[in-house]
């Protein structure tokens, strides 16, 4: 019997690639890198545990959820430094919420 990955795992992996951009949308350029990392860690934990919950298996496996969390975090970090940051998407995501400089009436 060949091992196969269910759709929930593929969806979780795709979400892991997009999560760094989501972190960029809710933070600014001046947000401490540690804060961004903790936010990414929390979001990937949520992703890992929800993917295991969505898995059409017999029972919920906490060990599998923890492994999925680690894979999700690793994928998110790699996507950030290997894809989103070099292409400028990370910076543009953080600029979305930035306010434009205002002109003072002098």
PDB file of N, CA and C in Angstrom:
ATOM      1  N   UNK A   1       0.841  -1.180   0.000  1.00  0.00           N
ATOM      2  CA  UNK A   1       0.000   0.000   0.000  1.00  0.00           C
ATOM      3  C   UNK A   1       0.886   1.244   0.000  1.00  0.00           C
ATOM      4  N   UNK A   2       0.600   2.166  -0.892  1.00  0.00           N
ATOM      5  CA  UNK A   2       1.380   3.393  -0.990  1.00  0.00           C
ATOM      6  C   UNK A   2       0.865   4.430  -0.002  1.00  0.00           C
ATOM      7  N   UNK A   3       1.797   5.120   0.670  1.00  0.00           N
ATOM      8  CA  UNK A   3       1.341   6.201   1.546  1.00  0.00           C
ATOM      9  C   UNK A   3       0.827   7.365   0.704  1.00  0.00           C
ATOM     10  N   UNK A   4      -0.194   8.034   1.210  1.00  0.00           N
ATOM     11  CA  UNK A   4      -0.728   9.190   0.486  1.00  0.00           C
ATOM     12  C   UNK A   4      -1.033  10.298   1.477  1.00  0.00           C
ATOM     13  N   UNK A   5      -0.960  11.505   0.986  1.00  0.00           N
ATOM     14  CA  UNK A   5      -1.289  12.668   1.810  1.00  0.00           C
ATOM     15  C   UNK A   5      -2.692  13.140   1.445  1.00  0.00           C
ATOM     16  N   UNK A   6      -3.502  13.332   2.457  1.00  0.00           N
ATOM     17  CA  UNK A   6      -4.858  13.802   2.231  1.00  0.00           C
ATOM     18  C   UNK A   6      -4.846  15.276   1.831  1.00  0.00           C
ATOM     19  N   UNK A   7      -5.959  15.726   1.317  1.00  0.00           N
ATOM     20  CA  UNK A   7      -6.085  17.120   0.878  1.00  0.00           C
ATOM     21  C   UNK A   7      -5.812  18.095   2.021  1.00  0.00           C
ATOM     22  N   UNK A   8      -6.159  17.721   3.251  1.00  0.00           N
ATOM     23  CA  UNK A   8      -5.933  18.606   4.397  1.00  0.00           C
ATOM     24  C   UNK A   8      -4.449  18.909   4.567  1.00  0.00           C
ATOM     25  N   UNK A   9      -3.606  17.915   4.342  1.00  0.00           N
ATOM     26  CA  UNK A   9      -2.168  18.135   4.476  1.00  0.00           C
ATOM     27  C   UNK A   9      -1.653  19.072   3.387  1.00  0.00           C
ATOM     28  N   UNK A  10      -2.117  18.911   2.168  1.00  0.00           N
ATOM     29  CA  UNK A  10      -1.693  19.786   1.074  1.00  0.00           C
ATOM     30  C   UNK A  10      -2.174  21.216   1.303  1.00  0.00           C
ATOM     31  N   UNK A  11      -3.404  21.360   1.793  1.00  0.00           N
ATOM     32  CA  UNK A  11      -3.921  22.687   2.095  1.00  0.00           C
ATOM     33  C   UNK A  11      -3.106  23.326   3.221  1.00  0.00           C
ATOM     34  N   UNK A  12      -2.774  22.554   4.240  1.00  0.00           N
ATOM     35  CA  UNK A  12      -1.946  23.054   5.342  1.00  0.00           C
ATOM     36  C   UNK A  12      -0.580  23.498   4.866  1.00  0.00           C
ATOM     37  N   UNK A  13      -0.010  22.760   3.933  1.00  0.00           N
ATOM     38  CA  UNK A  13       1.292  23.129   3.381  1.00  0.00           C
ATOM     39  C   UNK A  13       1.198  24.428   2.584  1.00  0.00           C
ATOM     40  N   UNK A  14       0.142  24.575   1.810  1.00  0.00           N
ATOM     41  CA  UNK A  14      -0.053  25.809   1.044  1.00  0.00           C
ATOM     42  C   UNK A  14      -0.251  27.004   1.976  1.00  0.00           C
ATOM     43  N   UNK A  15      -0.997  26.799   3.054  1.00  0.00           N
ATOM     44  CA  UNK A  15      -1.204  27.867   4.030  1.00  0.00           C
ATOM     45  C   UNK A  15       0.123  28.247   4.679  1.00  0.00           C
ATOM     46  N   UNK A  16       0.974  27.269   4.931  1.00  0.00           N
ATOM     47  CA  UNK A  16       2.279  27.530   5.546  1.00  0.00           C
ATOM     48  C   UNK A  16       3.129  28.459   4.691  1.00  0.00           C
ATOM     49  N   UNK A  17       2.995  28.358   3.386  1.00  0.00           N
ATOM     50  CA  UNK A  17       3.775  29.199   2.472  1.00  0.00           C
ATOM     51  C   UNK A  17       3.263  30.638   2.497  1.00  0.00           C
ATOM     52  N   UNK A  18       1.969  30.815   2.734  1.00  0.00           N
ATOM     53  CA  UNK A  18       1.350  32.135   2.703  1.00  0.00           C
ATOM     54  C   UNK A  18       1.392  32.841   4.063  1.00  0.00           C
ATOM     55  N   UNK A  19       1.545  32.100   5.152  1.00  0.00           N
ATOM     56  CA  UNK A  19       1.515  32.700   6.490  1.00  0.00           C
ATOM     57  C   UNK A  19       2.537  33.824   6.703  1.00  0.00           C
ATOM     58  N   UNK A  20       3.766  33.742   6.180  1.00  0.00           N
ATOM     59  CA  UNK A  20       4.690  34.871   6.371  1.00  0.00           C
ATOM     60  C   UNK A  20       4.171  36.176   5.776  1.00  0.00           C
ATOM     61  N   UNK A  21       3.441  36.091   4.680  1.00  0.00           N
ATOM     62  CA  UNK A  21       2.865  37.297   4.078  1.00  0.00           C
ATOM     63  C   UNK A  21       1.762  37.838   4.987  1.00  0.00           C
ATOM     64  N   UNK A  22       0.981  36.941   5.583  1.00  0.00           N
ATOM     65  CA  UNK A  22      -0.054  37.363   6.519  1.00  0.00           C
ATOM     66  C   UNK A  22       0.562  38.070   7.726  1.00  0.00           C
ATOM     67  N   UNK A  23       1.656  37.546   8.223  1.00  0.00           N
ATOM     68  CA  UNK A  23       2.364  38.196   9.331  1.00  0.00           C
ATOM     69  C   UNK A  23       2.817  39.587   8.897  1.00  0.00           C
ATOM     70  N   UNK A  24       3.282  39.708   7.680  1.00  0.00           N
ATOM     71  CA  UNK A  24       3.700  41.010   7.164  1.00  0.00           C
ATOM     72  C   UNK A  24       2.544  41.996   7.054  1.00  0.00           C
ATOM     73  N   UNK A  25       1.348  41.476   6.751  1.00  0.00           N
ATOM     74  CA  UNK A  25       0.192  42.354   6.629  1.00  0.00           C
ATOM     75  C   UNK A  25      -0.261  42.912   7.973  1.00  0.00           C
ATOM     76  N   UNK A  26      -0.049  42.164   9.045  1.00  0.00           N
ATOM     77  CA  UNK A  26      -0.528  42.610  10.356  1.00  0.00           C
ATOM     78  C   UNK A  26       0.569  43.250  11.206  1.00  0.00           C
ATOM     79  N   UNK A  27       1.780  43.350  10.668  1.00  0.00           N
ATOM     80  CA  UNK A  27       2.868  44.004  11.390  1.00  0.00           C
ATOM     81  C   UNK A  27       3.420  45.136  10.529  1.00  0.00           C
ATOM     82  N   UNK A  28       4.355  45.874  11.090  1.00  0.00           N
ATOM     83  CA  UNK A  28       4.991  46.965  10.350  1.00  0.00           C
ATOM     84  C   UNK A  28       6.479  46.678  10.249  1.00  0.00           C
ATOM     85  N   UNK A  29       7.168  47.527   9.526  1.00  0.00           N
ATOM     86  CA  UNK A  29       8.615  47.358   9.376  1.00  0.00           C
ATOM     87  C   UNK A  29       9.350  47.550  10.692  1.00  0.00           C
ATOM     88  N   UNK A  30       8.777  48.321  11.601  1.00  0.00           N
ATOM     89  CA  UNK A  30       9.446  48.591  12.873  1.00  0.00           C
ATOM     90  C   UNK A  30       9.093  47.573  13.957  1.00  0.00           C
ATOM     91  N   UNK A  31       8.198  46.646  13.648  1.00  0.00           N
ATOM     92  CA  UNK A  31       7.879  45.592  14.610  1.00  0.00           C
ATOM     93  C   UNK A  31       9.113  44.720  14.797  1.00  0.00           C
ATOM     94  N   UNK A  32       9.425  44.425  16.045  1.00  0.00           N
ATOM     95  CA  UNK A  32      10.608  43.620  16.367  1.00  0.00           C
ATOM     96  C   UNK A  32      10.530  42.259  15.670  1.00  0.00           C
ATOM     97  N   UNK A  33      11.650  41.798  15.148  1.00  0.00           N
ATOM     98  CA  UNK A  33      11.697  40.517  14.437  1.00  0.00           C
ATOM     99  C   UNK A  33      11.265  39.362  15.331  1.00  0.00           C
ATOM    100  N   UNK A  34      11.568  39.445  16.617  1.00  0.00           N
ATOM    101  CA  UNK A  34      11.145  38.404  17.552  1.00  0.00           C
ATOM    102  C   UNK A  34       9.636  38.331  17.678  1.00  0.00           C
ATOM    103  N   UNK A  35       8.990  39.489  17.656  1.00  0.00           N
ATOM    104  CA  UNK A  35       7.524  39.528  17.709  1.00  0.00           C
ATOM    105  C   UNK A  35       6.933  38.878  16.465  1.00  0.00           C
ATOM    106  N   UNK A  36       7.520  39.173  15.324  1.00  0.00           N
ATOM    107  CA  UNK A  36       7.046  38.562  14.077  1.00  0.00           C
ATOM    108  C   UNK A  36       7.238  37.052  14.106  1.00  0.00           C
ATOM    109  N   UNK A  37       8.366  36.602  14.643  1.00  0.00           N
ATOM    110  CA  UNK A  37       8.642  35.161  14.722  1.00  0.00           C
ATOM    111  C   UNK A  37       7.651  34.467  15.648  1.00  0.00           C
ATOM    112  N   UNK A  38       7.329  35.088  16.777  1.00  0.00           N
ATOM    113  CA  UNK A  38       6.364  34.498  17.710  1.00  0.00           C
ATOM    114  C   UNK A  38       4.977  34.450  17.071  1.00  0.00           C
ATOM    115  N   UNK A  39       4.609  35.498  16.341  1.00  0.00           N
ATOM    116  CA  UNK A  39       3.329  35.502  15.644  1.00  0.00           C
ATOM    117  C   UNK A  39       3.281  34.393  14.595  1.00  0.00           C
ATOM    118  N   UNK A  40       4.357  34.234  13.836  1.00  0.00           N
ATOM    119  CA  UNK A  40       4.417  33.151  12.858  1.00  0.00           C
ATOM    120  C   UNK A  40       4.351  31.796  13.556  1.00  0.00           C
ATOM    121  N   UNK A  41       5.024  31.662  14.682  1.00  0.00           N
ATOM    122  CA  UNK A  41       4.991  30.416  15.448  1.00  0.00           C
ATOM    123  C   UNK A  41       3.572  30.094  15.900  1.00  0.00           C
ATOM    124  N   UNK A  42       2.856  31.096  16.379  1.00  0.00           N
ATOM    125  CA  UNK A  42       1.475  30.880  16.833  1.00  0.00           C
ATOM    126  C   UNK A  42       0.556  30.510  15.672  1.00  0.00           C
ATOM    127  N   UNK A  43       0.704  31.193  14.556  1.00  0.00           N
ATOM    128  CA  UNK A  43      -0.143  30.891  13.396  1.00  0.00           C
ATOM    129  C   UNK A  43       0.145  29.505  12.823  1.00  0.00           C
ATOM    130  N   UNK A  44       1.421  29.121  12.813  1.00  0.00           N
ATOM    131  CA  UNK A  44       1.743  27.786  12.303  1.00  0.00           C
ATOM    132  C   UNK A  44       1.276  26.709  13.277  1.00  0.00           C
ATOM    133  N   UNK A  45       1.265  27.005  14.572  1.00  0.00           N
ATOM    134  CA  UNK A  45       0.717  26.053  15.543  1.00  0.00           C
ATOM    135  C   UNK A  45      -0.767  25.846  15.274  1.00  0.00           C
ATOM    136  N   UNK A  46      -1.471  26.939  15.073  1.00  0.00           N
ATOM    137  CA  UNK A  46      -2.894  26.849  14.749  1.00  0.00           C
ATOM    138  C   UNK A  46      -3.100  26.038  13.471  1.00  0.00           C
ATOM    139  N   UNK A  47      -2.285  26.303  12.471  1.00  0.00           N
ATOM    140  CA  UNK A  47      -2.359  25.569  11.209  1.00  0.00           C
ATOM    141  C   UNK A  47      -2.130  24.074  11.426  1.00  0.00           C
ATOM    142  N   UNK A  48      -1.081  23.727  12.151  1.00  0.00           N
ATOM    143  CA  UNK A  48      -0.761  22.313  12.375  1.00  0.00           C
ATOM    144  C   UNK A  48      -1.854  21.567  13.109  1.00  0.00           C
ATOM    145  N   UNK A  49      -2.403  22.184  14.151  1.00  0.00           N
ATOM    146  CA  UNK A  49      -3.441  21.518  14.928  1.00  0.00           C
ATOM    147  C   UNK A  49      -4.764  21.447  14.169  1.00  0.00           C
ATOM    148  N   UNK A  50      -5.077  22.464  13.357  1.00  0.00           N
ATOM    149  CA  UNK A  50      -6.295  22.419  12.551  1.00  0.00           C
ATOM    150  C   UNK A  50      -6.198  21.412  11.416  1.00  0.00           C
ATOM    151  N   UNK A  51      -5.023  21.287  10.826  1.00  0.00           N
ATOM    152  CA  UNK A  51      -4.844  20.291   9.766  1.00  0.00           C
ATOM    153  C   UNK A  51      -5.051  18.891  10.330  1.00  0.00           C
ATOM    154  N   UNK A  52      -4.520  18.625  11.508  1.00  0.00           N
ATOM    155  CA  UNK A  52      -4.727  17.312  12.122  1.00  0.00           C
ATOM    156  C   UNK A  52      -6.198  17.094  12.463  1.00  0.00           C
ATOM    157  N   UNK A  53      -6.868  18.159  12.871  1.00  0.00           N
ATOM    158  CA  UNK A  53      -8.299  18.053  13.166  1.00  0.00           C
ATOM    159  C   UNK A  53      -9.093  17.748  11.899  1.00  0.00           C
ATOM    160  N   UNK A  54      -8.686  18.332  10.779  1.00  0.00           N
ATOM    161  CA  UNK A  54      -9.376  18.127   9.504  1.00  0.00           C
ATOM    162  C   UNK A  54      -9.018  16.793   8.851  1.00  0.00           C
ATOM    163  N   UNK A  55      -7.965  16.154   9.326  1.00  0.00           N
ATOM    164  CA  UNK A  55      -7.543  14.875   8.759  1.00  0.00           C
ATOM    165  C   UNK A  55      -8.643  13.832   8.952  1.00  0.00           C
ATOM    166  N   UNK A  56      -9.068  13.178   7.882  1.00  0.00           N
ATOM    167  CA  UNK A  56     -10.152  12.209   7.996  1.00  0.00           C
ATOM    168  C   UNK A  56      -9.683  10.861   8.556  1.00  0.00           C
ATOM    169  N   UNK A  57      -9.128  10.890   9.744  1.00  0.00           N
ATOM    170  CA  UNK A  57      -8.664   9.657  10.372  1.00  0.00           C
ATOM    171  C   UNK A  57      -9.600   9.214  11.480  1.00  0.00           C
ATOM    172  N   UNK A  58      -9.205   8.140  12.159  1.00  0.00           N
ATOM    173  CA  UNK A  58     -10.037   7.589  13.223  1.00  0.00           C
ATOM    174  C   UNK A  58     -10.057   8.476  14.464  1.00  0.00           C
ATOM    175  N   UNK A  59      -8.908   8.996  14.835  1.00  0.00           N
ATOM    176  CA  UNK A  59      -8.837   9.800  16.046  1.00  0.00           C
ATOM    177  C   UNK A  59      -7.813  10.921  15.886  1.00  0.00           C
ATOM    178  N   UNK A  60      -7.858  11.860  16.817  1.00  0.00           N
ATOM    179  CA  UNK A  60      -6.955  13.007  16.800  1.00  0.00           C
ATOM    180  C   UNK A  60      -5.623  12.599  17.417  1.00  0.00           C
ATOM    181  N   UNK A  61      -4.525  12.845  16.714  1.00  0.00           N
ATOM    182  CA  UNK A  61      -3.191  12.497  17.184  1.00  0.00           C
ATOM    183  C   UNK A  61      -2.419  13.780  17.503  1.00  0.00           C
ATOM    184  N   UNK A  62      -2.187  14.036  18.783  1.00  0.00           N
ATOM    185  CA  UNK A  62      -1.468  15.240  19.189  1.00  0.00           C
ATOM    186  C   UNK A  62      -0.036  15.210  18.645  1.00  0.00           C
ATOM    187  N   UNK A  63       0.584  14.037  18.639  1.00  0.00           N
ATOM    188  CA  UNK A  63       1.945  13.908  18.105  1.00  0.00           C
ATOM    189  C   UNK A  63       2.009  14.316  16.641  1.00  0.00           C
ATOM    190  N   UNK A  64       1.027  13.914  15.862  1.00  0.00           N
ATOM    191  CA  UNK A  64       0.979  14.311  14.450  1.00  0.00           C
ATOM    192  C   UNK A  64       0.782  15.816  14.316  1.00  0.00           C
ATOM    193  N   UNK A  65      -0.043  16.379  15.186  1.00  0.00           N
ATOM    194  CA  UNK A  65      -0.279  17.826  15.140  1.00  0.00           C
ATOM    195  C   UNK A  65       1.002  18.588  15.437  1.00  0.00           C
ATOM    196  N   UNK A  66       1.791  18.090  16.383  1.00  0.00           N
ATOM    197  CA  UNK A  66       3.058  18.757  16.717  1.00  0.00           C
ATOM    198  C   UNK A  66       4.033  18.664  15.544  1.00  0.00           C
ATOM    199  N   UNK A  67       4.082  17.510  14.890  1.00  0.00           N
ATOM    200  CA  UNK A  67       4.942  17.358  13.712  1.00  0.00           C
ATOM    201  C   UNK A  67       4.472  18.289  12.594  1.00  0.00           C
ATOM    202  N   UNK A  68       3.166  18.372  12.393  1.00  0.00           N
ATOM    203  CA  UNK A  68       2.632  19.273  11.372  1.00  0.00           C
ATOM    204  C   UNK A  68       2.952  20.732  11.707  1.00  0.00           C
ATOM    205  N   UNK A  69       2.933  21.068  12.986  1.00  0.00           N
ATOM    206  CA  UNK A  69       3.293  22.412  13.427  1.00  0.00           C
ATOM    207  C   UNK A  69       4.744  22.706  13.074  1.00  0.00           C
ATOM    208  N   UNK A  70       5.633  21.769  13.357  1.00  0.00           N
ATOM    209  CA  UNK A  70       7.056  21.964  13.054  1.00  0.00           C
ATOM    210  C   UNK A  70       7.280  22.104  11.549  1.00  0.00           C
ATOM    211  N   UNK A  71       6.605  21.270  10.777  1.00  0.00           N
ATOM    212  CA  UNK A  71       6.735  21.343   9.315  1.00  0.00           C
ATOM    213  C   UNK A  71       6.177  22.672   8.811  1.00  0.00           C
ATOM    214  N   UNK A  72       5.059  23.095   9.367  1.00  0.00           N
ATOM    215  CA  UNK A  72       4.449  24.360   8.956  1.00  0.00           C
ATOM    216  C   UNK A  72       5.353  25.539   9.285  1.00  0.00           C
ATOM    217  N   UNK A  73       5.947  25.545  10.473  1.00  0.00           N
ATOM    218  CA  UNK A  73       6.845  26.641  10.852  1.00  0.00           C
ATOM    219  C   UNK A  73       8.090  26.650   9.963  1.00  0.00           C
ATOM    220  N   UNK A  74       8.677  25.483   9.758  1.00  0.00           N
ATOM    221  CA  UNK A  74       9.858  25.389   8.888  1.00  0.00           C
ATOM    222  C   UNK A  74       9.548  25.851   7.478  1.00  0.00           C
ATOM    223  N   UNK A  75       8.404  25.446   6.963  1.00  0.00           N
ATOM    224  CA  UNK A  75       8.001  25.859   5.619  1.00  0.00           C
ATOM    225  C   UNK A  75       7.781  27.361   5.555  1.00  0.00           C
ATOM    226  N   UNK A  76       7.166  27.918   6.600  1.00  0.00           N
ATOM    227  CA  UNK A  76       6.927  29.356   6.636  1.00  0.00           C
ATOM    228  C   UNK A  76       8.211  30.163   6.666  1.00  0.00           C
ATOM    229  N   UNK A  77       9.158  29.723   7.483  1.00  0.00           N
ATOM    230  CA  UNK A  77      10.447  30.419   7.574  1.00  0.00           C
ATOM    231  C   UNK A  77      11.197  30.315   6.250  1.00  0.00           C
ATOM    232  N   UNK A  78      11.218  29.122   5.687  1.00  0.00           N
ATOM    233  CA  UNK A  78      11.895  28.946   4.398  1.00  0.00           C
ATOM    234  C   UNK A  78      11.226  29.757   3.295  1.00  0.00           C
ATOM    235  N   UNK A  79       9.901  29.807   3.297  1.00  0.00           N
ATOM    236  CA  UNK A  79       9.191  30.592   2.283  1.00  0.00           C
ATOM    237  C   UNK A  79       9.499  32.076   2.451  1.00  0.00           C
ATOM    238  N   UNK A  80       9.573  32.522   3.696  1.00  0.00           N
ATOM    239  CA  UNK A  80       9.867  33.942   3.932  1.00  0.00           C
ATOM    240  C   UNK A  80      11.249  34.316   3.399  1.00  0.00           C
ATOM    241  N   UNK A  81      12.260  33.570   3.816  1.00  0.00           N
ATOM    242  CA  UNK A  81      13.634  33.925   3.424  1.00  0.00           C
ATOM    243  C   UNK A  81      13.996  33.482   2.012  1.00  0.00           C
ATOM    244  N   UNK A  82      13.329  32.474   1.489  1.00  0.00           N
ATOM    245  CA  UNK A  82      13.677  31.973   0.169  1.00  0.00           C
ATOM    246  C   UNK A  82      12.813  32.486  -0.960  1.00  0.00           C
ATOM    247  N   UNK A  83      11.598  32.958  -0.625  1.00  0.00           N
ATOM    248  CA  UNK A  83      10.681  33.375  -1.685  1.00  0.00           C
ATOM    249  C   UNK A  83      10.174  34.798  -1.473  1.00  0.00           C
ATOM    250  N   UNK A  84       9.559  35.048  -0.340  1.00  0.00           N
ATOM    251  CA  UNK A  84       8.884  36.326  -0.130  1.00  0.00           C
ATOM    252  C   UNK A  84       9.836  37.503   0.083  1.00  0.00           C
ATOM    253  N   UNK A  85      10.872  37.318   0.859  1.00  0.00           N
ATOM    254  CA  UNK A  85      11.794  38.430   1.123  1.00  0.00           C
ATOM    255  C   UNK A  85      12.611  38.807  -0.124  1.00  0.00           C
ATOM    256  N   UNK A  86      13.220  37.850  -0.837  1.00  0.00           N
ATOM    257  CA  UNK A  86      14.005  38.220  -2.022  1.00  0.00           C
ATOM    258  C   UNK A  86      13.177  38.865  -3.138  1.00  0.00           C
ATOM    259  N   UNK A  87      11.904  38.504  -3.235  1.00  0.00           N
ATOM    260  CA  UNK A  87      11.070  39.073  -4.291  1.00  0.00           C
ATOM    261  C   UNK A  87      10.423  40.390  -3.893  1.00  0.00           C
ATOM    262  N   UNK A  88      10.584  40.788  -2.632  1.00  0.00           N
ATOM    263  CA  UNK A  88      10.033  42.053  -2.164  1.00  0.00           C
ATOM    264  C   UNK A  88       8.596  41.985  -1.683  1.00  0.00           C
ATOM    265  N   UNK A  89       7.998  40.821  -1.707  1.00  0.00           N
ATOM    266  CA  UNK A  89       6.605  40.678  -1.279  1.00  0.00           C
ATOM    267  C   UNK A  89       6.456  40.975   0.211  1.00  0.00           C
ATOM    268  N   UNK A  90       7.423  40.565   1.019  1.00  0.00           N
ATOM    269  CA  UNK A  90       7.359  40.817   2.462  1.00  0.00           C
ATOM    270  C   UNK A  90       7.308  42.303   2.755  1.00  0.00           C
ATOM    271  N   UNK A  91       8.167  43.067   2.121  1.00  0.00           N
ATOM    272  CA  UNK A  91       8.196  44.510   2.334  1.00  0.00           C
ATOM    273  C   UNK A  91       6.918  45.178   1.871  1.00  0.00           C
ATOM    274  N   UNK A  92       6.393  44.746   0.731  1.00  0.00           N
ATOM    275  CA  UNK A  92       5.150  45.326   0.213  1.00  0.00           C
ATOM    276  C   UNK A  92       3.975  44.998   1.124  1.00  0.00           C
ATOM    277  N   UNK A  93       3.980  43.803   1.707  1.00  0.00           N
ATOM    278  CA  UNK A  93       2.907  43.425   2.634  1.00  0.00           C
ATOM    279  C   UNK A  93       2.934  44.310   3.870  1.00  0.00           C
ATOM    280  N   UNK A  94       4.122  44.646   4.335  1.00  0.00           N
ATOM    281  CA  UNK A  94       4.223  45.509   5.509  1.00  0.00           C
ATOM    282  C   UNK A  94       3.885  46.959   5.182  1.00  0.00           C
ATOM    283  N   UNK A  95       4.030  47.346   3.935  1.00  0.00           N
ATOM    284  CA  UNK A  95       3.699  48.709   3.533  1.00  0.00           C
ATOM    285  C   UNK A  95       2.191  48.923   3.369  1.00  0.00           C
ATOM    286  N   UNK A  96       1.432  47.846   3.289  1.00  0.00           N
ATOM    287  CA  UNK A  96      -0.012  47.963   3.070  1.00  0.00           C
ATOM    288  C   UNK A  96      -0.666  48.765   4.185  1.00  0.00           C
ATOM    289  N   UNK A  97      -0.289  48.485   5.423  1.00  0.00           N
ATOM    290  CA  UNK A  97      -0.897  49.176   6.547  1.00  0.00           C
ATOM    291  C   UNK A  97      -0.215  50.472   6.933  1.00  0.00           C
ATOM    292  N   UNK A  98       0.890  50.795   6.289  1.00  0.00           N
ATOM    293  CA  UNK A  98       1.631  52.009   6.646  1.00  0.00           C
ATOM    294  C   UNK A  98       0.865  53.245   6.157  1.00  0.00           C
ATOM    295  N   UNK A  99       0.894  54.266   6.971  1.00  0.00           N
ATOM    296  CA  UNK A  99       0.231  55.502   6.604  1.00  0.00           C
ATOM    297  C   UNK A  99       1.132  56.325   5.695  1.00  0.00           C
ATOM    298  N   UNK A 100       0.514  56.989   4.759  1.00  0.00           N
ATOM    299  CA  UNK A 100       1.258  57.891   3.879  1.00  0.00           C
ATOM    300  C   UNK A 100       1.635  59.138   4.670  1.00  0.00           C
ATOM    301  N   UNK A 101       2.794  59.706   4.398  1.00  0.00           N
ATOM    302  CA  UNK A 101       3.174  60.930   5.117  1.00  0.00           C
ATOM    303  C   UNK A 101       2.177  62.051   4.828  1.00  0.00           C
ATOM    304  N   UNK A 102       1.832  62.762   5.868  1.00  0.00           N
ATOM    305  CA  UNK A 102       0.880  63.863   5.710  1.00  0.00           C
ATOM    306  C   UNK A 102       1.629  65.161   5.492  1.00  0.00           C
ATOM    307  N   UNK A 103       1.041  66.030   4.720  1.00  0.00           N
ATOM    308  CA  UNK A 103       1.647  67.334   4.459  1.00  0.00           C
ATOM    309  C   UNK A 103       1.066  68.332   5.456  1.00  0.00           C
ATOM    310  N   UNK A 104       1.926  69.083   6.048  1.00  0.00           N
ATOM    311  CA  UNK A 104       1.457  70.092   7.000  1.00  0.00           C
ATOM    312  C   UNK A 104       1.168  71.391   6.252  1.00  0.00           C
ATOM    313  N   UNK A 105       0.106  72.029   6.678  1.00  0.00           N
ATOM    314  CA  UNK A 105      -0.249  73.319   6.056  1.00  0.00           C
ATOM    315  C   UNK A 105       0.557  74.409   6.743  1.00  0.00           C
ATOM    316  N   UNK A 106       1.506  74.955   6.025  1.00  0.00           N
ATOM    317  CA  UNK A 106       2.377  75.966   6.639  1.00  0.00           C
ATOM    318  C   UNK A 106       2.085  77.335   6.144  1.00  0.00           C
TER     319      UNK A 106
END
